Each structure stands twice: as C-alpha cells, then as structure tokens.
Protein backbone atom coordinates (compact mmCIF):
# COMPACT_ATOMS: atom_id res chain seq x y z
CA MET A 1 7.88 1.54 48.22
CA SER A 2 7.51 4.42 51.30
CA GLN A 3 7.93 2.90 54.39
CA SER A 4 4.23 4.17 55.60
CA LEU A 5 2.62 2.52 53.39
CA VAL A 6 5.09 -0.55 53.76
CA ARG A 7 3.61 -0.50 57.47
CA ALA A 8 -0.01 -0.05 56.25
CA LEU A 9 -0.31 -2.49 54.11
CA GLU A 10 1.32 -5.30 56.90
CA LEU A 11 -1.47 -3.92 59.00
CA LEU A 12 -3.92 -4.71 56.65
CA GLY A 13 -2.21 -7.80 56.46
CA LYS A 14 -2.51 -8.25 60.03
CA VAL A 15 -5.97 -7.36 60.55
CA ALA A 16 -7.21 -9.32 57.49
CA GLY A 17 -6.15 -12.55 59.51
CA GLN A 18 -7.90 -11.91 62.48
CA PRO A 19 -9.06 -8.68 63.96
CA ALA A 20 -7.64 -6.66 66.61
CA THR A 21 -7.34 -3.78 68.88
CA LEU A 22 -4.47 -0.95 68.75
CA ASP A 23 -3.41 -2.27 71.62
CA GLU A 24 -2.87 -5.68 70.32
CA LEU A 25 -1.46 -3.78 66.91
CA ALA A 26 1.04 -2.14 68.64
CA ALA A 27 2.63 -4.23 70.56
CA THR A 28 3.84 -6.98 67.20
CA SER A 29 4.71 -3.66 65.43
CA ASP A 30 7.96 -2.35 65.03
CA VAL A 31 7.23 1.33 65.75
CA HIS A 32 6.26 3.36 68.37
CA LYS A 33 2.44 3.04 69.14
CA THR A 34 1.71 7.01 67.81
CA THR A 35 2.88 6.06 64.39
CA VAL A 36 0.66 2.82 64.72
CA MET A 37 -2.49 5.11 65.58
CA ARG A 38 -1.69 7.56 62.96
CA LEU A 39 -1.17 4.52 60.31
CA LEU A 40 -4.93 3.19 61.68
CA HIS A 41 -6.76 6.63 61.46
CA SER A 42 -5.47 6.99 57.99
CA LEU A 43 -6.77 3.47 56.94
CA GLU A 44 -9.83 4.32 58.96
CA ALA A 45 -10.40 7.25 57.11
CA GLU A 46 -10.20 5.90 53.83
CA HIS A 47 -12.28 3.52 54.71
CA PHE A 48 -10.44 0.30 54.61
CA LEU A 49 -10.34 -0.52 58.19
CA VAL A 50 -13.96 -0.23 59.97
CA ARG A 51 -13.82 -0.82 63.89
CA ASN A 52 -16.32 -3.51 65.60
CA GLY A 53 -18.18 -3.30 68.50
CA ALA A 54 -15.66 -4.46 70.59
CA GLY A 55 -13.50 -2.20 69.38
CA GLN A 56 -11.35 -3.81 67.46
CA PHE A 57 -10.11 -3.27 63.85
CA GLN A 58 -11.05 -5.17 60.93
CA LEU A 59 -11.22 -5.14 57.24
CA GLY A 60 -13.78 -2.20 55.69
CA ARG A 61 -15.57 -2.00 52.26
CA ARG A 62 -12.75 -0.29 50.31
CA LEU A 63 -11.06 -3.92 49.92
CA PHE A 64 -14.57 -5.67 49.59
CA GLU A 65 -15.09 -2.69 46.55
CA LEU A 66 -11.77 -3.55 45.44
CA SER A 67 -11.67 -7.22 45.89
CA SER A 68 -14.90 -7.08 43.88
CA ARG A 69 -13.09 -5.17 40.70
CA ALA A 70 -10.00 -6.75 40.86
CA LEU A 71 -12.05 -10.40 39.97
CA GLU A 72 -14.53 -8.88 37.66
CA GLN A 73 -11.00 -7.74 35.44
CA ARG A 74 -9.42 -11.71 36.08
CA ASP A 75 -10.38 -12.96 32.10
CA ILE A 76 -10.22 -16.66 32.78
CA ARG A 77 -8.21 -17.63 29.74
CA GLN A 78 -5.34 -15.35 30.73
CA VAL A 79 -5.52 -16.37 34.14
CA ALA A 80 -5.34 -20.20 33.15
CA HIS A 81 -3.21 -19.65 30.19
CA PRO A 82 -0.13 -20.51 31.44
CA HIS A 83 -0.99 -23.28 34.19
CA LEU A 84 -2.47 -24.88 30.95
CA ALA A 85 0.37 -24.35 29.30
CA ARG A 86 2.53 -25.91 32.10
CA LEU A 87 0.47 -29.07 32.35
CA ASN A 88 0.35 -29.62 28.39
CA GLY A 89 4.42 -29.28 28.65
CA ALA A 90 4.69 -31.75 31.40
CA THR A 91 2.25 -34.63 29.88
CA GLY A 92 2.56 -33.54 25.96
CA HIS A 93 -0.82 -34.23 25.86
CA THR A 94 -4.11 -32.74 24.17
CA VAL A 95 -5.44 -30.22 27.12
CA HIS A 96 -9.07 -27.79 27.09
CA LEU A 97 -10.64 -25.08 28.50
CA ALA A 98 -14.05 -24.56 28.38
CA GLU A 99 -17.08 -22.62 30.09
CA MET A 100 -20.87 -22.22 30.49
CA GLU A 101 -22.29 -20.13 28.03
CA GLY A 102 -25.70 -20.21 28.26
CA ALA A 103 -27.24 -23.78 27.54
CA GLU A 104 -23.85 -24.68 26.35
CA VAL A 105 -20.73 -25.67 26.86
CA VAL A 106 -17.92 -24.09 24.92
CA TYR A 107 -13.98 -25.11 24.15
CA ILE A 108 -12.16 -21.67 25.08
CA ASP A 109 -8.90 -22.43 24.84
CA LYS A 110 -6.54 -25.32 23.37
CA PHE A 111 -3.29 -26.97 23.97
CA GLU A 112 -2.57 -29.38 21.19
CA SER A 113 -0.94 -32.66 21.99
CA ARG A 114 3.06 -33.09 20.79
CA HIS A 115 1.69 -36.44 19.56
CA PRO A 116 0.68 -37.39 15.77
CA VAL A 117 -2.60 -38.89 17.15
CA ARG A 118 -4.56 -35.87 17.56
CA MET A 119 -8.38 -35.14 18.63
CA TYR A 120 -10.61 -32.83 16.17
CA SER A 121 -11.71 -30.24 18.73
CA ARG A 122 -11.23 -26.41 18.49
CA ILE A 123 -11.33 -23.04 20.39
CA GLY A 124 -15.80 -21.93 19.63
CA LEU A 125 -16.71 -25.56 19.32
CA THR A 126 -19.70 -26.74 21.76
CA ALA A 127 -18.82 -29.93 24.12
CA ALA A 128 -21.26 -32.73 24.45
CA LEU A 129 -23.46 -32.12 27.68
CA HIS A 130 -23.78 -35.78 28.10
CA SER A 131 -20.26 -37.31 26.72
CA ALA A 132 -17.40 -34.68 27.48
CA ALA A 133 -16.45 -34.82 30.71
CA VAL A 134 -15.57 -30.76 30.99
CA ALA A 135 -19.74 -30.48 30.83
CA LYS A 136 -20.07 -33.03 33.36
CA VAL A 137 -17.86 -31.14 35.22
CA ILE A 138 -20.10 -27.88 34.86
CA LEU A 139 -23.38 -29.18 35.38
CA ALA A 140 -22.17 -31.26 38.08
CA ASP A 141 -21.94 -27.87 40.25
CA LEU A 142 -25.56 -26.85 38.90
CA PRO A 143 -28.38 -27.53 42.17
CA VAL A 144 -29.86 -30.37 41.19
CA ASP A 145 -33.00 -29.42 39.78
CA ARG A 146 -31.50 -27.49 37.42
CA ARG A 147 -29.34 -30.62 36.41
CA GLU A 148 -32.92 -32.98 36.07
CA GLN A 149 -34.10 -29.53 34.00
CA ILE A 150 -31.05 -29.76 31.49
CA ALA A 151 -31.00 -33.51 31.43
CA ALA A 152 -34.58 -34.15 30.69
CA GLY A 153 -33.95 -31.57 27.15
CA LEU A 154 -30.86 -33.43 25.80
CA ASP A 155 -30.77 -35.21 22.22
CA TYR A 156 -29.11 -38.42 23.41
CA VAL A 157 -26.99 -38.94 20.27
CA ARG A 158 -25.16 -41.92 20.52
CA THR A 159 -21.32 -41.64 19.24
CA THR A 160 -19.61 -45.02 20.74
CA GLY A 161 -20.51 -47.60 22.27
CA ASN A 162 -20.10 -46.06 26.10
CA THR A 163 -22.46 -43.13 25.03
CA ILE A 164 -24.79 -42.00 27.54
CA THR A 165 -28.05 -42.57 26.50
CA GLY A 166 -30.53 -41.24 28.89
CA ALA A 167 -31.29 -38.97 31.73
CA ALA A 168 -31.41 -41.50 34.37
CA GLY A 169 -27.56 -42.34 33.67
CA LEU A 170 -26.53 -38.77 33.18
CA LEU A 171 -28.18 -37.26 36.09
CA ALA A 172 -26.17 -40.79 38.32
CA GLU A 173 -22.84 -39.97 36.80
CA LEU A 174 -23.54 -36.08 37.60
CA GLY A 175 -23.83 -36.69 41.65
CA GLU A 176 -21.06 -38.72 41.54
CA VAL A 177 -18.64 -36.32 39.61
CA ALA A 178 -20.36 -33.81 42.26
CA GLU A 179 -19.02 -36.31 45.10
CA GLN A 180 -15.35 -36.85 44.04
CA GLY A 181 -15.05 -33.76 42.58
CA TRP A 182 -13.87 -34.49 38.94
CA ALA A 183 -15.22 -36.88 35.91
CA HIS A 184 -14.21 -38.94 33.22
CA ASP A 185 -15.29 -39.22 29.76
CA ARG A 186 -13.78 -43.86 28.98
CA GLU A 187 -14.53 -42.88 25.00
CA GLU A 188 -17.74 -41.58 25.34
CA HIS A 189 -17.85 -39.48 22.60
CA GLU A 190 -14.39 -40.29 20.45
CA SER A 191 -13.89 -44.37 20.07
CA TYR A 192 -10.60 -44.01 20.29
CA VAL A 193 -9.71 -41.20 22.87
CA HIS A 194 -10.56 -41.14 26.66
CA CYS A 195 -10.12 -38.07 28.53
CA ILE A 196 -10.20 -36.50 32.37
CA ALA A 197 -11.87 -33.41 33.37
CA ALA A 198 -11.80 -31.15 37.10
CA PRO A 199 -13.37 -27.87 38.27
CA ILE A 200 -11.70 -24.34 38.39
CA ARG A 201 -13.66 -21.97 40.61
CA ASP A 202 -14.47 -18.67 41.73
CA ALA A 203 -14.34 -16.50 45.09
CA SER A 204 -17.49 -17.99 45.71
CA GLY A 205 -17.00 -21.39 45.19
CA ARG A 206 -19.13 -21.66 42.03
CA VAL A 207 -17.91 -24.04 39.60
CA VAL A 208 -17.06 -21.50 36.52
CA ALA A 209 -15.21 -23.53 34.13
CA ALA A 210 -13.19 -26.90 33.42
CA ALA A 211 -10.38 -27.64 32.01
CA SER A 212 -9.81 -31.39 30.80
CA LEU A 213 -6.78 -34.24 29.41
CA SER A 214 -7.51 -35.77 26.22
CA VAL A 215 -5.33 -38.86 25.30
CA PRO A 216 -5.64 -41.56 22.54
CA VAL A 217 -6.46 -44.93 24.61
CA MET A 218 -3.26 -45.92 22.37
CA LEU A 219 -0.43 -44.06 24.31
CA LEU A 220 -2.11 -44.05 27.62
CA ASP A 221 -4.63 -47.08 29.26
CA TYR A 222 -7.60 -45.78 31.61
CA GLU A 223 -5.33 -46.02 34.65
CA GLY A 224 -2.11 -44.25 33.24
CA LEU A 225 -4.85 -41.24 32.86
CA LEU A 226 -5.98 -41.70 36.44
CA LYS A 227 -2.31 -41.15 36.93
CA LEU A 228 -2.34 -37.10 35.74
CA LEU A 229 -5.67 -36.39 37.79
CA PRO A 230 -2.99 -35.00 40.65
CA GLY A 231 -1.34 -32.65 38.00
CA LEU A 232 -5.01 -31.49 36.18
CA LYS A 233 -6.64 -30.93 40.03
CA ASP A 234 -2.94 -29.36 40.56
CA ALA A 235 -3.56 -27.10 37.81
CA THR A 236 -7.44 -26.39 38.64
CA ARG A 237 -6.58 -25.49 41.70
CA ALA A 238 -3.76 -22.63 41.09
CA ILE A 239 -6.17 -20.85 38.54
CA SER A 240 -9.67 -21.41 41.03
CA THR A 241 -6.68 -19.59 43.63
CA ASP A 242 -5.96 -16.79 41.11
CA LEU A 243 -9.32 -16.44 40.94
CA GLY A 244 -10.30 -15.56 43.82
CA TRP A 245 -10.97 -19.04 45.42
CA ALA A 246 -9.83 -20.12 49.02
CA PRO A 247 -11.03 -24.30 49.81
CA ALA A 248 -13.16 -24.48 53.34
CA PRO A 249 -11.36 -25.39 56.08
CA THR A 250 -11.48 -28.97 57.18
CA ILE A 251 -11.09 -30.87 60.42
CA PRO A 252 -10.14 -34.66 61.01
CA GLY A 253 -13.08 -36.41 61.39
CA PRO A 254 -14.60 -38.38 64.77
CA GLY A 255 -12.32 -41.29 65.98
CA GLY A 256 -9.48 -40.15 63.08
CA GLY A 257 -12.54 -41.10 60.15
CA PRO A 258 -12.32 -38.74 57.11
CA PRO A 259 -12.29 -35.26 57.24
CA ARG A 260 -14.97 -32.86 57.37
CA THR A 261 -15.42 -29.67 55.91
CA LEU A 262 -16.28 -26.72 58.06
CA PRO A 263 -19.29 -24.28 57.26
CA ALA A 264 -17.48 -21.06 55.43
CA GLY A 265 -16.64 -18.36 57.91
CA SER A 266 -15.44 -21.09 60.47
CA ARG A 267 -11.85 -21.80 61.79
CA PRO A 268 -10.83 -25.40 62.84
C-alpha cells in the first residue's frame, strides 16, 4: 500500500473521530503541513471530506454512499455464520438464526446439536410467533401498534401447557423482552425443549434477525440455560457490529444509579 494512501486513510480516521482544521491535523501528523494540505484537498475534491462552517474538515457524502453500498452487500446469513458456528462449537447445543419475511419469522440457518436429543426444525420453516424465542425478540422491536396488530391476528395454537394462549399474554411478554433485550421459550413450543434468543441489529439499530440456543431440558435446566446467555449475546453483538451497528453511548446514572443511554450522536 502506498504511503500517500496510508496517510490519506489516517486523515480520514482522525476526522471520523472529530472534525478538525488543517492546522490541527498537521500538528498530529508526521509529515509536512503542505503534504497534509495536498491530501486533504484531494479527499475534498472526491467528496470524501467536506469543510463545515467553522472551516473544519468532516466526513463527506462519498463515504456515506460507500458505507450504504457496503451494508447492502452484507448478507445476514453469511455475516452471522462464523459467529454462530463458534457458539455452536463452544456449547454443543442447537443454534438457530431467524429473520422476519413479510408477516412470518423464518429460520434461515441452523447448527445441529452434538447431543443425541435434537429439535425438529430446519431451514425454511416458520417460527411460531406466540411461542418461539426468536419470534419474540423480533416482534418486541416493532412499534407498539404493530405488535398489537400482529398479536390480535394470531391463532394461538396450544402445543404445551406453557404456551401463551392470548394477545394480552403475548403483548405483556413482548414488553418484557423489549426491556431486557432477550427472550426465552420455557417449553412453550415443545414440552421437552427450552430456548433463549437475542437480537441482531443493523446499522440503523433496528432488529433484523435473532439467534437462539435451544436445549432439551433433560440436558440442562433453566438456570443452566441462562448461564449460556452471555455467550449468545456476545455472538449476536459481534454479528450486529459486523452489520454496522454501534451501541448508543451511556453515562453513569445520578448518584451512582443505573447507566443512562445518551441520544444518538451524543458524546459522554
């Protein structure tokens, strides 16, 4: 890679962190100011940089165009595959990847358990919206009115004694899922299997898919299943990052209370 290209990329990295003037950028560079100026002008001419009202260089529209195209080319299944494969290898349990297609949540990838007792599921099947953990995670991210519309139209087929049987129960659980950031299926779809799921987000922060761990209850009780949640969330967070997602910054709450999320674009 040429030195000029490396230096130009370094300048883009600095400006991405914070808009800066020519003098400020030259002061932190190991090359002469005229070289920095030449590189900045070249980047500006190609719309990778633009000057704001204060005379500072900031990221230009060309980068937004490229980033949008890059994200459009990221297939969720392809991006998620190595992360979920590692999760499957580390736990030995069934891992599912699901996304919403129209009004249905569909399994788009699956990693089989290493244990003899396995779930009956396959890529292409739909997940029950009122009982599958992956469906709950995806539905919980929808606007409340959309959740209510979907919940009101479901046929609440009862497959176990734990299956949710009405819209009120589902909406209450979706509210809890939205608050805590993950979902469970405690033998709601199959009487001998329980499951946890976590969201996968894109660059906008919207939940575009969900990943889950499903385990037969005779292999692992619910408390043991919850011990796998940090690993699942690590995997979905890594997938989301690869899709362009960045978590909103947080600051400590008043008096040492729970942290507060800052508005988008804010700095702690």
